[in-house]
Amino acid sequence: MSAALSSCLPHIGRVTAPAAWQTVDLISDLHLQASEPATFEAWRDFMARTPADAVFILGDLFEVWVGDDAVASDPFLQDCAQVLRQAAQRMHVGLMQGNRDFLLGPAFLAACGVHPLNDPSVLQWGGQNILLSHGDALCLDDSAYQGFRQEVRSAEWQEDFLAQPLQQRIALARAMRQQSESNKRTAAVHADADSDLALRWLDAADASHLVHGHTHQAADHPLGSGQRHVLSDWSLDHSPQRAQVFRLEHPGVMTRIDWPPSAVPGQLPAPKAG
């Protein structure tokens, strides 16, 4: 564990849920890409049919993001933008950067009507504080990644990267993804969130629950006097298939829902207009 990383507490954003919100859905790690159409279609279906008043996407919506300017020449990214735009017309959509799409910029989000979400952020919901994060900053045992994360999150690195021609950025991103996959295959243990640091975050946020993604290990863990909830990734193009929604409902109910739901077609509550 890096002492510098473990001793630093991040700036914590805040989102106050309006009293009218009755349902909030949390998802993460969809890793959308043109080569995996089933996952994209499930996400599109979810964004169109969820009865939630708000959806918060906690990072890695996209498998890779090389800059907002890539959208103009990429039909798949244009389809994704259309899904976000249509969803944002009827509900609140918040989006947090992940380790794959940390270059998502304000121009893209604004064009889609999506609200940027700081990592981490406290959702003030139903009389309690729920801390939301992508989760990668908590995985201190993955020291190689933490060093890489510090480098690429710097304004200087991002400015230099985005100044390169688009095709060169695409090639560099492909190489970084291949290196990341190679590192995963050779790692003896997949890093999980550091419990001590997660508890410090929870205390700093005065929160009772921490919800995050990144590790793809969907589960619920005790954390001090509260709980840590790990979100599922989404993968409908590979086995085992998985696509899970973490749903918050009044009064203080938290449930995990597989998507698409097993309910009889046509029985899902209609989405709210607005």
C-alpha atoms as a PDB file:
ATOM      1  CA  MET A   1       0.000   0.000   0.000  1.00  0.00           C
ATOM      2  CA  SER A   2       1.273   3.478  -0.866  1.00  0.00           C
ATOM      3  CA  ALA A   3       1.364   5.660   2.239  1.00  0.00           C
ATOM      4  CA  ALA A   4       0.824   8.769   0.110  1.00  0.00           C
ATOM      5  CA  LEU A   5      -2.255   7.302  -1.561  1.00  0.00           C
ATOM      6  CA  SER A   6      -3.738   5.869   1.629  1.00  0.00           C
ATOM      7  CA  SER A   7      -3.307   9.127   3.560  1.00  0.00           C
ATOM      8  CA  CYS A   8      -5.022  11.325   0.962  1.00  0.00           C
ATOM      9  CA  LEU A   9      -8.754  11.873   1.112  1.00  0.00           C
ATOM     10  CA  PRO A  10     -10.338  12.978  -2.166  1.00  0.00           C
ATOM     11  CA  HIS A  11     -12.663  15.884  -2.721  1.00  0.00           C
ATOM     12  CA  ILE A  12     -16.163  14.495  -2.215  1.00  0.00           C
ATOM     13  CA  GLY A  13     -18.938  15.792  -4.435  1.00  0.00           C
ATOM     14  CA  ARG A  14     -22.549  15.980  -3.308  1.00  0.00           C
ATOM     15  CA  VAL A  15     -25.852  15.232  -4.996  1.00  0.00           C
ATOM     16  CA  THR A  16     -29.079  15.914  -3.107  1.00  0.00           C
ATOM     17  CA  ALA A  17     -31.976  13.820  -4.361  1.00  0.00           C
ATOM     18  CA  PRO A  18     -35.171  15.867  -4.800  1.00  0.00           C
ATOM     19  CA  ALA A  19     -38.096  14.736  -2.680  1.00  0.00           C
ATOM     20  CA  ALA A  20     -39.890  13.646  -5.863  1.00  0.00           C
ATOM     21  CA  TRP A  21     -37.310  10.930  -6.581  1.00  0.00           C
ATOM     22  CA  GLN A  22     -38.739   7.582  -5.563  1.00  0.00           C
ATOM     23  CA  THR A  23     -36.324   5.273  -7.407  1.00  0.00           C
ATOM     24  CA  VAL A  24     -32.625   5.606  -8.261  1.00  0.00           C
ATOM     25  CA  ASP A  25     -30.693   3.058 -10.329  1.00  0.00           C
ATOM     26  CA  LEU A  26     -26.912   2.563 -10.096  1.00  0.00           C
ATOM     27  CA  ILE A  27     -24.912   0.755 -12.797  1.00  0.00           C
ATOM     28  CA  SER A  28     -21.266   0.578 -13.813  1.00  0.00           C
ATOM     29  CA  ASP A  29     -18.677  -1.206 -15.951  1.00  0.00           C
ATOM     30  CA  LEU A  30     -20.687  -1.737 -19.116  1.00  0.00           C
ATOM     31  CA  HIS A  31     -17.523  -1.389 -21.230  1.00  0.00           C
ATOM     32  CA  LEU A  32     -19.604  -0.537 -24.302  1.00  0.00           C
ATOM     33  CA  GLN A  33     -17.918  -1.275 -27.615  1.00  0.00           C
ATOM     34  CA  ALA A  34     -19.120  -1.909 -31.159  1.00  0.00           C
ATOM     35  CA  SER A  35     -17.852  -5.502 -31.087  1.00  0.00           C
ATOM     36  CA  GLU A  36     -20.286  -6.408 -28.266  1.00  0.00           C
ATOM     37  CA  PRO A  37     -23.771  -5.539 -29.613  1.00  0.00           C
ATOM     38  CA  ALA A  38     -25.797  -7.602 -27.115  1.00  0.00           C
ATOM     39  CA  THR A  39     -24.460  -5.597 -24.170  1.00  0.00           C
ATOM     40  CA  PHE A  40     -25.212  -2.353 -25.983  1.00  0.00           C
ATOM     41  CA  GLU A  41     -28.777  -3.467 -26.764  1.00  0.00           C
ATOM     42  CA  ALA A  42     -29.405  -4.472 -23.143  1.00  0.00           C
ATOM     43  CA  TRP A  43     -28.158  -1.073 -21.978  1.00  0.00           C
ATOM     44  CA  ARG A  44     -30.268   0.750 -24.557  1.00  0.00           C
ATOM     45  CA  ASP A  45     -33.313  -1.243 -23.426  1.00  0.00           C
ATOM     46  CA  PHE A  46     -32.589  -0.461 -19.777  1.00  0.00           C
ATOM     47  CA  MET A  47     -32.150   3.278 -20.362  1.00  0.00           C
ATOM     48  CA  ALA A  48     -35.460   3.368 -22.243  1.00  0.00           C
ATOM     49  CA  ARG A  49     -37.524   1.216 -19.867  1.00  0.00           C
ATOM     50  CA  THR A  50     -36.257   1.763 -16.339  1.00  0.00           C
ATOM     51  CA  PRO A  51     -38.915   3.370 -14.115  1.00  0.00           C
ATOM     52  CA  ALA A  52     -36.193   5.192 -12.162  1.00  0.00           C
ATOM     53  CA  ASP A  53     -36.232   8.932 -11.574  1.00  0.00           C
ATOM     54  CA  ALA A  54     -32.434   8.968 -11.877  1.00  0.00           C
ATOM     55  CA  VAL A  55     -29.695   6.706 -13.208  1.00  0.00           C
ATOM     56  CA  PHE A  56     -26.113   7.093 -12.023  1.00  0.00           C
ATOM     57  CA  ILE A  57     -23.434   5.395 -14.154  1.00  0.00           C
ATOM     58  CA  LEU A  58     -20.396   4.856 -11.916  1.00  0.00           C
ATOM     59  CA  GLY A  59     -17.630   4.664 -14.491  1.00  0.00           C
ATOM     60  CA  ASP A  60     -16.485   2.573 -17.445  1.00  0.00           C
ATOM     61  CA  LEU A  61     -19.605   3.103 -19.492  1.00  0.00           C
ATOM     62  CA  PHE A  62     -17.230   2.753 -22.447  1.00  0.00           C
ATOM     63  CA  GLU A  63     -14.441   0.253 -22.984  1.00  0.00           C
ATOM     64  CA  VAL A  64     -12.225   3.077 -24.179  1.00  0.00           C
ATOM     65  CA  TRP A  65     -12.519   6.834 -24.725  1.00  0.00           C
ATOM     66  CA  VAL A  66      -9.824   8.683 -26.641  1.00  0.00           C
ATOM     67  CA  GLY A  67     -11.478  12.108 -26.691  1.00  0.00           C
ATOM     68  CA  ASP A  68     -14.837  13.714 -27.345  1.00  0.00           C
ATOM     69  CA  ASP A  69     -13.824  14.466 -30.931  1.00  0.00           C
ATOM     70  CA  ALA A  70     -13.955  10.721 -31.746  1.00  0.00           C
ATOM     71  CA  VAL A  71     -17.765  10.797 -31.718  1.00  0.00           C
ATOM     72  CA  ALA A  72     -18.053  12.689 -35.014  1.00  0.00           C
ATOM     73  CA  SER A  73     -16.519   9.830 -37.023  1.00  0.00           C
ATOM     74  CA  ASP A  74     -17.808   6.837 -35.014  1.00  0.00           C
ATOM     75  CA  PRO A  75     -21.401   5.639 -35.671  1.00  0.00           C
ATOM     76  CA  PHE A  76     -21.351   3.420 -32.574  1.00  0.00           C
ATOM     77  CA  LEU A  77     -20.473   6.319 -30.265  1.00  0.00           C
ATOM     78  CA  GLN A  78     -23.172   8.361 -31.977  1.00  0.00           C
ATOM     79  CA  ASP A  79     -25.702   5.630 -31.153  1.00  0.00           C
ATOM     80  CA  CYS A  80     -24.538   5.680 -27.516  1.00  0.00           C
ATOM     81  CA  ALA A  81     -24.892   9.456 -27.403  1.00  0.00           C
ATOM     82  CA  GLN A  82     -28.440   9.163 -28.742  1.00  0.00           C
ATOM     83  CA  VAL A  83     -29.362   6.692 -25.984  1.00  0.00           C
ATOM     84  CA  LEU A  84     -28.032   9.071 -23.343  1.00  0.00           C
ATOM     85  CA  ARG A  85     -29.733  12.068 -24.929  1.00  0.00           C
ATOM     86  CA  GLN A  86     -33.134  10.393 -25.047  1.00  0.00           C
ATOM     87  CA  ALA A  87     -32.848   9.097 -21.474  1.00  0.00           C
ATOM     88  CA  ALA A  88     -31.794  12.500 -20.143  1.00  0.00           C
ATOM     89  CA  GLN A  89     -34.961  14.036 -21.557  1.00  0.00           C
ATOM     90  CA  ARG A  90     -37.131  12.100 -19.096  1.00  0.00           C
ATOM     91  CA  MET A  91     -34.918  11.510 -16.040  1.00  0.00           C
ATOM     92  CA  HIS A  92     -31.725  12.634 -14.330  1.00  0.00           C
ATOM     93  CA  VAL A  93     -28.655  10.877 -15.758  1.00  0.00           C
ATOM     94  CA  GLY A  94     -25.355  11.234 -13.908  1.00  0.00           C
ATOM     95  CA  LEU A  95     -22.073   9.864 -15.232  1.00  0.00           C
ATOM     96  CA  MET A  96     -18.773   9.281 -13.441  1.00  0.00           C
ATOM     97  CA  GLN A  97     -15.486   8.707 -15.231  1.00  0.00           C
ATOM     98  CA  GLY A  98     -13.908   5.269 -14.830  1.00  0.00           C
ATOM     99  CA  ASN A  99     -10.456   3.909 -15.488  1.00  0.00           C
ATOM    100  CA  ARG A 100     -11.370   3.117 -19.120  1.00  0.00           C
ATOM    101  CA  ASP A 101     -13.194   6.329 -19.992  1.00  0.00           C
ATOM    102  CA  PHE A 102     -11.436   8.887 -17.786  1.00  0.00           C
ATOM    103  CA  LEU A 103     -11.068  11.195 -20.797  1.00  0.00           C
ATOM    104  CA  LEU A 104     -14.823  11.693 -21.130  1.00  0.00           C
ATOM    105  CA  GLY A 105     -15.140  15.434 -21.443  1.00  0.00           C
ATOM    106  CA  PRO A 106     -17.712  18.074 -20.506  1.00  0.00           C
ATOM    107  CA  ALA A 107     -18.526  18.784 -24.155  1.00  0.00           C
ATOM    108  CA  PHE A 108     -19.823  15.253 -24.752  1.00  0.00           C
ATOM    109  CA  LEU A 109     -21.783  15.135 -21.503  1.00  0.00           C
ATOM    110  CA  ALA A 110     -23.353  18.545 -22.086  1.00  0.00           C
ATOM    111  CA  ALA A 111     -24.373  17.594 -25.630  1.00  0.00           C
ATOM    112  CA  CYS A 112     -26.156  14.534 -24.185  1.00  0.00           C
ATOM    113  CA  GLY A 113     -27.797  16.396 -21.303  1.00  0.00           C
ATOM    114  CA  VAL A 114     -25.874  14.237 -18.819  1.00  0.00           C
ATOM    115  CA  HIS A 115     -24.671  15.515 -15.440  1.00  0.00           C
ATOM    116  CA  PRO A 116     -20.993  14.934 -14.583  1.00  0.00           C
ATOM    117  CA  LEU A 117     -20.503  13.084 -11.298  1.00  0.00           C
ATOM    118  CA  ASN A 118     -17.399  13.614  -9.200  1.00  0.00           C
ATOM    119  CA  ASP A 119     -15.524  10.529  -7.979  1.00  0.00           C
ATOM    120  CA  PRO A 120     -16.422  10.059  -5.157  1.00  0.00           C
ATOM    121  CA  SER A 121     -19.775  11.727  -4.544  1.00  0.00           C
ATOM    122  CA  VAL A 122     -22.294  11.525  -1.745  1.00  0.00           C
ATOM    123  CA  LEU A 123     -25.899  10.926  -2.744  1.00  0.00           C
ATOM    124  CA  GLN A 124     -28.157  12.371  -0.060  1.00  0.00           C
ATOM    125  CA  TRP A 125     -31.102  10.035  -0.389  1.00  0.00           C
ATOM    126  CA  GLY A 126     -34.037   9.241   1.885  1.00  0.00           C
ATOM    127  CA  GLY A 127     -32.430  10.691   4.985  1.00  0.00           C
ATOM    128  CA  GLN A 128     -29.083   8.908   4.560  1.00  0.00           C
ATOM    129  CA  ASN A 129     -25.792   9.505   2.801  1.00  0.00           C
ATOM    130  CA  ILE A 130     -24.669   6.978   0.193  1.00  0.00           C
ATOM    131  CA  LEU A 131     -21.106   7.312  -1.086  1.00  0.00           C
ATOM    132  CA  LEU A 132     -20.679   6.585  -4.813  1.00  0.00           C
ATOM    133  CA  SER A 133     -17.361   5.827  -6.515  1.00  0.00           C
ATOM    134  CA  HIS A 134     -15.963   3.982  -9.496  1.00  0.00           C
ATOM    135  CA  GLY A 135     -13.687   2.213  -7.025  1.00  0.00           C
ATOM    136  CA  ASP A 136     -10.343   2.055  -8.807  1.00  0.00           C
ATOM    137  CA  ALA A 137      -8.714   4.601  -6.498  1.00  0.00           C
ATOM    138  CA  LEU A 138      -9.485   2.283  -3.567  1.00  0.00           C
ATOM    139  CA  CYS A 139      -7.576  -0.708  -4.977  1.00  0.00           C
ATOM    140  CA  LEU A 140      -4.244   0.134  -3.364  1.00  0.00           C
ATOM    141  CA  ASP A 141      -2.753  -3.360  -3.699  1.00  0.00           C
ATOM    142  CA  ASP A 142      -2.611  -2.837  -7.477  1.00  0.00           C
ATOM    143  CA  SER A 143       0.413  -0.582  -7.112  1.00  0.00           C
ATOM    144  CA  ALA A 144       1.319  -0.661 -10.814  1.00  0.00           C
ATOM    145  CA  TYR A 145      -2.127   0.591 -11.765  1.00  0.00           C
ATOM    146  CA  GLN A 146      -2.110   3.266  -9.057  1.00  0.00           C
ATOM    147  CA  GLY A 147       1.104   4.684 -10.481  1.00  0.00           C
ATOM    148  CA  PHE A 148      -0.393   4.654 -13.974  1.00  0.00           C
ATOM    149  CA  ARG A 149      -3.577   6.269 -12.667  1.00  0.00           C
ATOM    150  CA  GLN A 150      -1.697   9.151 -11.094  1.00  0.00           C
ATOM    151  CA  GLU A 151       0.142   9.768 -14.356  1.00  0.00           C
ATOM    152  CA  VAL A 152      -2.835   9.721 -16.732  1.00  0.00           C
ATOM    153  CA  ARG A 153      -5.102  11.746 -14.457  1.00  0.00           C
ATOM    154  CA  SER A 154      -2.672  14.679 -14.535  1.00  0.00           C
ATOM    155  CA  ALA A 155      -3.697  17.693 -16.616  1.00  0.00           C
ATOM    156  CA  GLU A 156      -0.312  17.686 -18.384  1.00  0.00           C
ATOM    157  CA  TRP A 157      -0.581  14.047 -19.547  1.00  0.00           C
ATOM    158  CA  GLN A 158      -4.148  14.518 -20.752  1.00  0.00           C
ATOM    159  CA  GLU A 159      -3.317  17.712 -22.610  1.00  0.00           C
ATOM    160  CA  ASP A 160      -0.405  16.004 -24.389  1.00  0.00           C
ATOM    161  CA  PHE A 161      -2.483  12.922 -25.235  1.00  0.00           C
ATOM    162  CA  LEU A 162      -5.464  14.855 -26.597  1.00  0.00           C
ATOM    163  CA  ALA A 163      -3.158  17.010 -28.724  1.00  0.00           C
ATOM    164  CA  GLN A 164      -2.152  13.954 -30.773  1.00  0.00           C
ATOM    165  CA  PRO A 165      -4.013  13.012 -33.993  1.00  0.00           C
ATOM    166  CA  LEU A 166      -7.124  10.892 -33.432  1.00  0.00           C
ATOM    167  CA  GLN A 167      -5.810   7.762 -35.167  1.00  0.00           C
ATOM    168  CA  GLN A 168      -2.632   7.894 -33.108  1.00  0.00           C
ATOM    169  CA  ARG A 169      -4.680   8.163 -29.910  1.00  0.00           C
ATOM    170  CA  ILE A 170      -6.755   5.156 -30.959  1.00  0.00           C
ATOM    171  CA  ALA A 171      -3.589   3.114 -31.552  1.00  0.00           C
ATOM    172  CA  LEU A 172      -2.114   4.159 -28.203  1.00  0.00           C
ATOM    173  CA  ALA A 173      -5.349   3.301 -26.376  1.00  0.00           C
ATOM    174  CA  ARG A 174      -5.391  -0.136 -28.029  1.00  0.00           C
ATOM    175  CA  ALA A 175      -1.826  -0.772 -26.863  1.00  0.00           C
ATOM    176  CA  MET A 176      -2.653   0.306 -23.306  1.00  0.00           C
ATOM    177  CA  ARG A 177      -5.687  -2.001 -23.231  1.00  0.00           C
ATOM    178  CA  GLN A 178      -3.599  -4.939 -24.421  1.00  0.00           C
ATOM    179  CA  GLN A 179      -1.027  -4.242 -21.727  1.00  0.00           C
ATOM    180  CA  SER A 180      -3.775  -4.005 -19.111  1.00  0.00           C
ATOM    181  CA  GLU A 181      -5.242  -7.364 -20.143  1.00  0.00           C
ATOM    182  CA  SER A 182      -1.780  -8.935 -20.042  1.00  0.00           C
ATOM    183  CA  ASN A 183      -1.241  -7.596 -16.524  1.00  0.00           C
ATOM    184  CA  LYS A 184      -4.578  -9.070 -15.409  1.00  0.00           C
ATOM    185  CA  ARG A 185      -3.668 -12.512 -16.748  1.00  0.00           C
ATOM    186  CA  THR A 186      -0.351 -12.564 -14.908  1.00  0.00           C
ATOM    187  CA  ALA A 187      -1.648 -11.124 -11.616  1.00  0.00           C
ATOM    188  CA  ALA A 188      -1.913 -13.717  -8.879  1.00  0.00           C
ATOM    189  CA  VAL A 189      -4.811 -11.993  -7.125  1.00  0.00           C
ATOM    190  CA  HIS A 190      -7.290  -9.464  -8.489  1.00  0.00           C
ATOM    191  CA  ALA A 191      -7.018  -6.335  -6.354  1.00  0.00           C
ATOM    192  CA  ASP A 192     -10.024  -5.379  -4.266  1.00  0.00           C
ATOM    193  CA  ALA A 193     -10.878  -2.164  -2.471  1.00  0.00           C
ATOM    194  CA  ASP A 194      -8.683  -1.499   0.542  1.00  0.00           C
ATOM    195  CA  SER A 195     -10.970  -1.798   3.567  1.00  0.00           C
ATOM    196  CA  ASP A 196      -9.132   0.747   5.725  1.00  0.00           C
ATOM    197  CA  LEU A 197      -9.166   3.406   3.004  1.00  0.00           C
ATOM    198  CA  ALA A 198     -12.793   2.652   2.095  1.00  0.00           C
ATOM    199  CA  LEU A 199     -13.766   3.089   5.746  1.00  0.00           C
ATOM    200  CA  ARG A 200     -11.918   6.417   5.910  1.00  0.00           C
ATOM    201  CA  TRP A 201     -13.816   7.593   2.836  1.00  0.00           C
ATOM    202  CA  LEU A 202     -17.090   6.464   4.384  1.00  0.00           C
ATOM    203  CA  ASP A 203     -16.340   8.315   7.625  1.00  0.00           C
ATOM    204  CA  ALA A 204     -15.274  11.471   5.773  1.00  0.00           C
ATOM    205  CA  ALA A 205     -18.532  11.425   3.835  1.00  0.00           C
ATOM    206  CA  ASP A 206     -20.600  10.716   6.968  1.00  0.00           C
ATOM    207  CA  ALA A 207     -22.146   7.915   4.913  1.00  0.00           C
ATOM    208  CA  SER A 208     -23.603   4.550   5.857  1.00  0.00           C
ATOM    209  CA  HIS A 209     -23.151   2.838   2.489  1.00  0.00           C
ATOM    210  CA  LEU A 210     -20.390   2.817  -0.151  1.00  0.00           C
ATOM    211  CA  VAL A 211     -21.384   1.729  -3.673  1.00  0.00           C
ATOM    212  CA  HIS A 212     -18.704   1.182  -6.308  1.00  0.00           C
ATOM    213  CA  GLY A 213     -17.771  -0.829  -9.379  1.00  0.00           C
ATOM    214  CA  HIS A 214     -14.414  -1.512 -11.064  1.00  0.00           C
ATOM    215  CA  THR A 215     -13.618  -4.931  -9.570  1.00  0.00           C
ATOM    216  CA  HIS A 216     -16.519  -6.732 -11.313  1.00  0.00           C
ATOM    217  CA  GLN A 217     -17.002  -8.783  -8.131  1.00  0.00           C
ATOM    218  CA  ALA A 218     -20.646  -8.068  -7.312  1.00  0.00           C
ATOM    219  CA  ALA A 219     -21.183  -8.574  -3.580  1.00  0.00           C
ATOM    220  CA  ASP A 220     -22.139  -6.854  -0.329  1.00  0.00           C
ATOM    221  CA  HIS A 221     -19.565  -6.485   2.450  1.00  0.00           C
ATOM    222  CA  PRO A 222     -19.760  -5.099   6.007  1.00  0.00           C
ATOM    223  CA  LEU A 223     -17.728  -1.922   6.379  1.00  0.00           C
ATOM    224  CA  GLY A 224     -17.470  -0.597   9.913  1.00  0.00           C
ATOM    225  CA  SER A 225     -21.041   0.061  10.996  1.00  0.00           C
ATOM    226  CA  GLY A 226     -22.107   0.360   7.360  1.00  0.00           C
ATOM    227  CA  GLN A 227     -21.831  -1.629   4.151  1.00  0.00           C
ATOM    228  CA  ARG A 228     -19.838  -1.729   0.923  1.00  0.00           C
ATOM    229  CA  HIS A 229     -21.790  -2.725  -2.179  1.00  0.00           C
ATOM    230  CA  VAL A 230     -19.873  -3.777  -5.305  1.00  0.00           C
ATOM    231  CA  LEU A 231     -21.705  -3.401  -8.600  1.00  0.00           C
ATOM    232  CA  SER A 232     -21.820  -5.993 -11.351  1.00  0.00           C
ATOM    233  CA  ASP A 233     -20.190  -5.408 -14.699  1.00  0.00           C
ATOM    234  CA  TRP A 234     -22.358  -5.929 -17.804  1.00  0.00           C
ATOM    235  CA  SER A 235     -21.524  -8.607 -20.367  1.00  0.00           C
ATOM    236  CA  LEU A 236     -24.224 -10.126 -22.561  1.00  0.00           C
ATOM    237  CA  ASP A 237     -21.891 -11.194 -25.375  1.00  0.00           C
ATOM    238  CA  HIS A 238     -19.874 -13.673 -23.302  1.00  0.00           C
ATOM    239  CA  SER A 239     -20.602 -16.418 -20.795  1.00  0.00           C
ATOM    240  CA  PRO A 240     -21.497 -16.173 -18.007  1.00  0.00           C
ATOM    241  CA  GLN A 241     -23.904 -13.408 -18.984  1.00  0.00           C
ATOM    242  CA  ARG A 242     -24.501 -10.679 -16.434  1.00  0.00           C
ATOM    243  CA  ALA A 243     -26.185  -7.272 -16.319  1.00  0.00           C
ATOM    244  CA  GLN A 244     -27.249  -6.110 -12.901  1.00  0.00           C
ATOM    245  CA  VAL A 245     -28.887  -2.923 -11.646  1.00  0.00           C
ATOM    246  CA  PHE A 246     -28.467  -1.759  -8.044  1.00  0.00           C
ATOM    247  CA  ARG A 247     -31.766  -0.081  -7.231  1.00  0.00           C
ATOM    248  CA  LEU A 248     -32.575   2.338  -4.400  1.00  0.00           C
ATOM    249  CA  GLU A 249     -36.224   2.756  -3.470  1.00  0.00           C
ATOM    250  CA  HIS A 250     -38.011   4.551  -0.669  1.00  0.00           C
ATOM    251  CA  PRO A 251     -38.027   3.867   2.220  1.00  0.00           C
ATOM    252  CA  GLY A 252     -34.347   2.830   2.278  1.00  0.00           C
ATOM    253  CA  VAL A 253     -34.732  -0.339   0.213  1.00  0.00           C
ATOM    254  CA  MET A 254     -31.718  -1.554  -1.785  1.00  0.00           C
ATOM    255  CA  THR A 255     -32.114  -4.414  -4.276  1.00  0.00           C
ATOM    256  CA  ARG A 256     -30.167  -6.030  -7.106  1.00  0.00           C
ATOM    257  CA  ILE A 257     -32.081  -6.561 -10.333  1.00  0.00           C
ATOM    258  CA  ASP A 258     -30.917  -8.620 -13.296  1.00  0.00           C
ATOM    259  CA  TRP A 259     -31.507  -6.978 -16.670  1.00  0.00           C
ATOM    260  CA  PRO A 260     -33.561  -7.692 -18.598  1.00  0.00           C
ATOM    261  CA  PRO A 261     -35.942  -8.431 -15.719  1.00  0.00           C
ATOM    262  CA  SER A 262     -37.618 -11.820 -15.577  1.00  0.00           C
ATOM    263  CA  ALA A 263     -41.072 -10.251 -15.354  1.00  0.00           C
ATOM    264  CA  VAL A 264     -43.624 -11.067 -18.048  1.00  0.00           C
ATOM    265  CA  PRO A 265     -43.055  -8.801 -21.069  1.00  0.00           C
ATOM    266  CA  GLY A 266     -45.223  -5.739 -20.852  1.00  0.00           C
ATOM    267  CA  GLN A 267     -45.493  -5.879 -17.049  1.00  0.00           C
ATOM    268  CA  LEU A 268     -42.546  -3.575 -16.317  1.00  0.00           C
ATOM    269  CA  PRO A 269     -43.719  -0.241 -14.926  1.00  0.00           C
ATOM    270  CA  ALA A 270     -43.866   2.400 -17.630  1.00  0.00           C
ATOM    271  CA  PRO A 271     -41.102   5.017 -17.469  1.00  0.00           C
ATOM    272  CA  LYS A 272     -42.069   8.384 -16.077  1.00  0.00           C
ATOM    273  CA  ALA A 273     -42.434  11.259 -18.501  1.00  0.00           C
ATOM    274  CA  GLY A 274     -40.611  14.492 -17.953  1.00  0.00           C
END
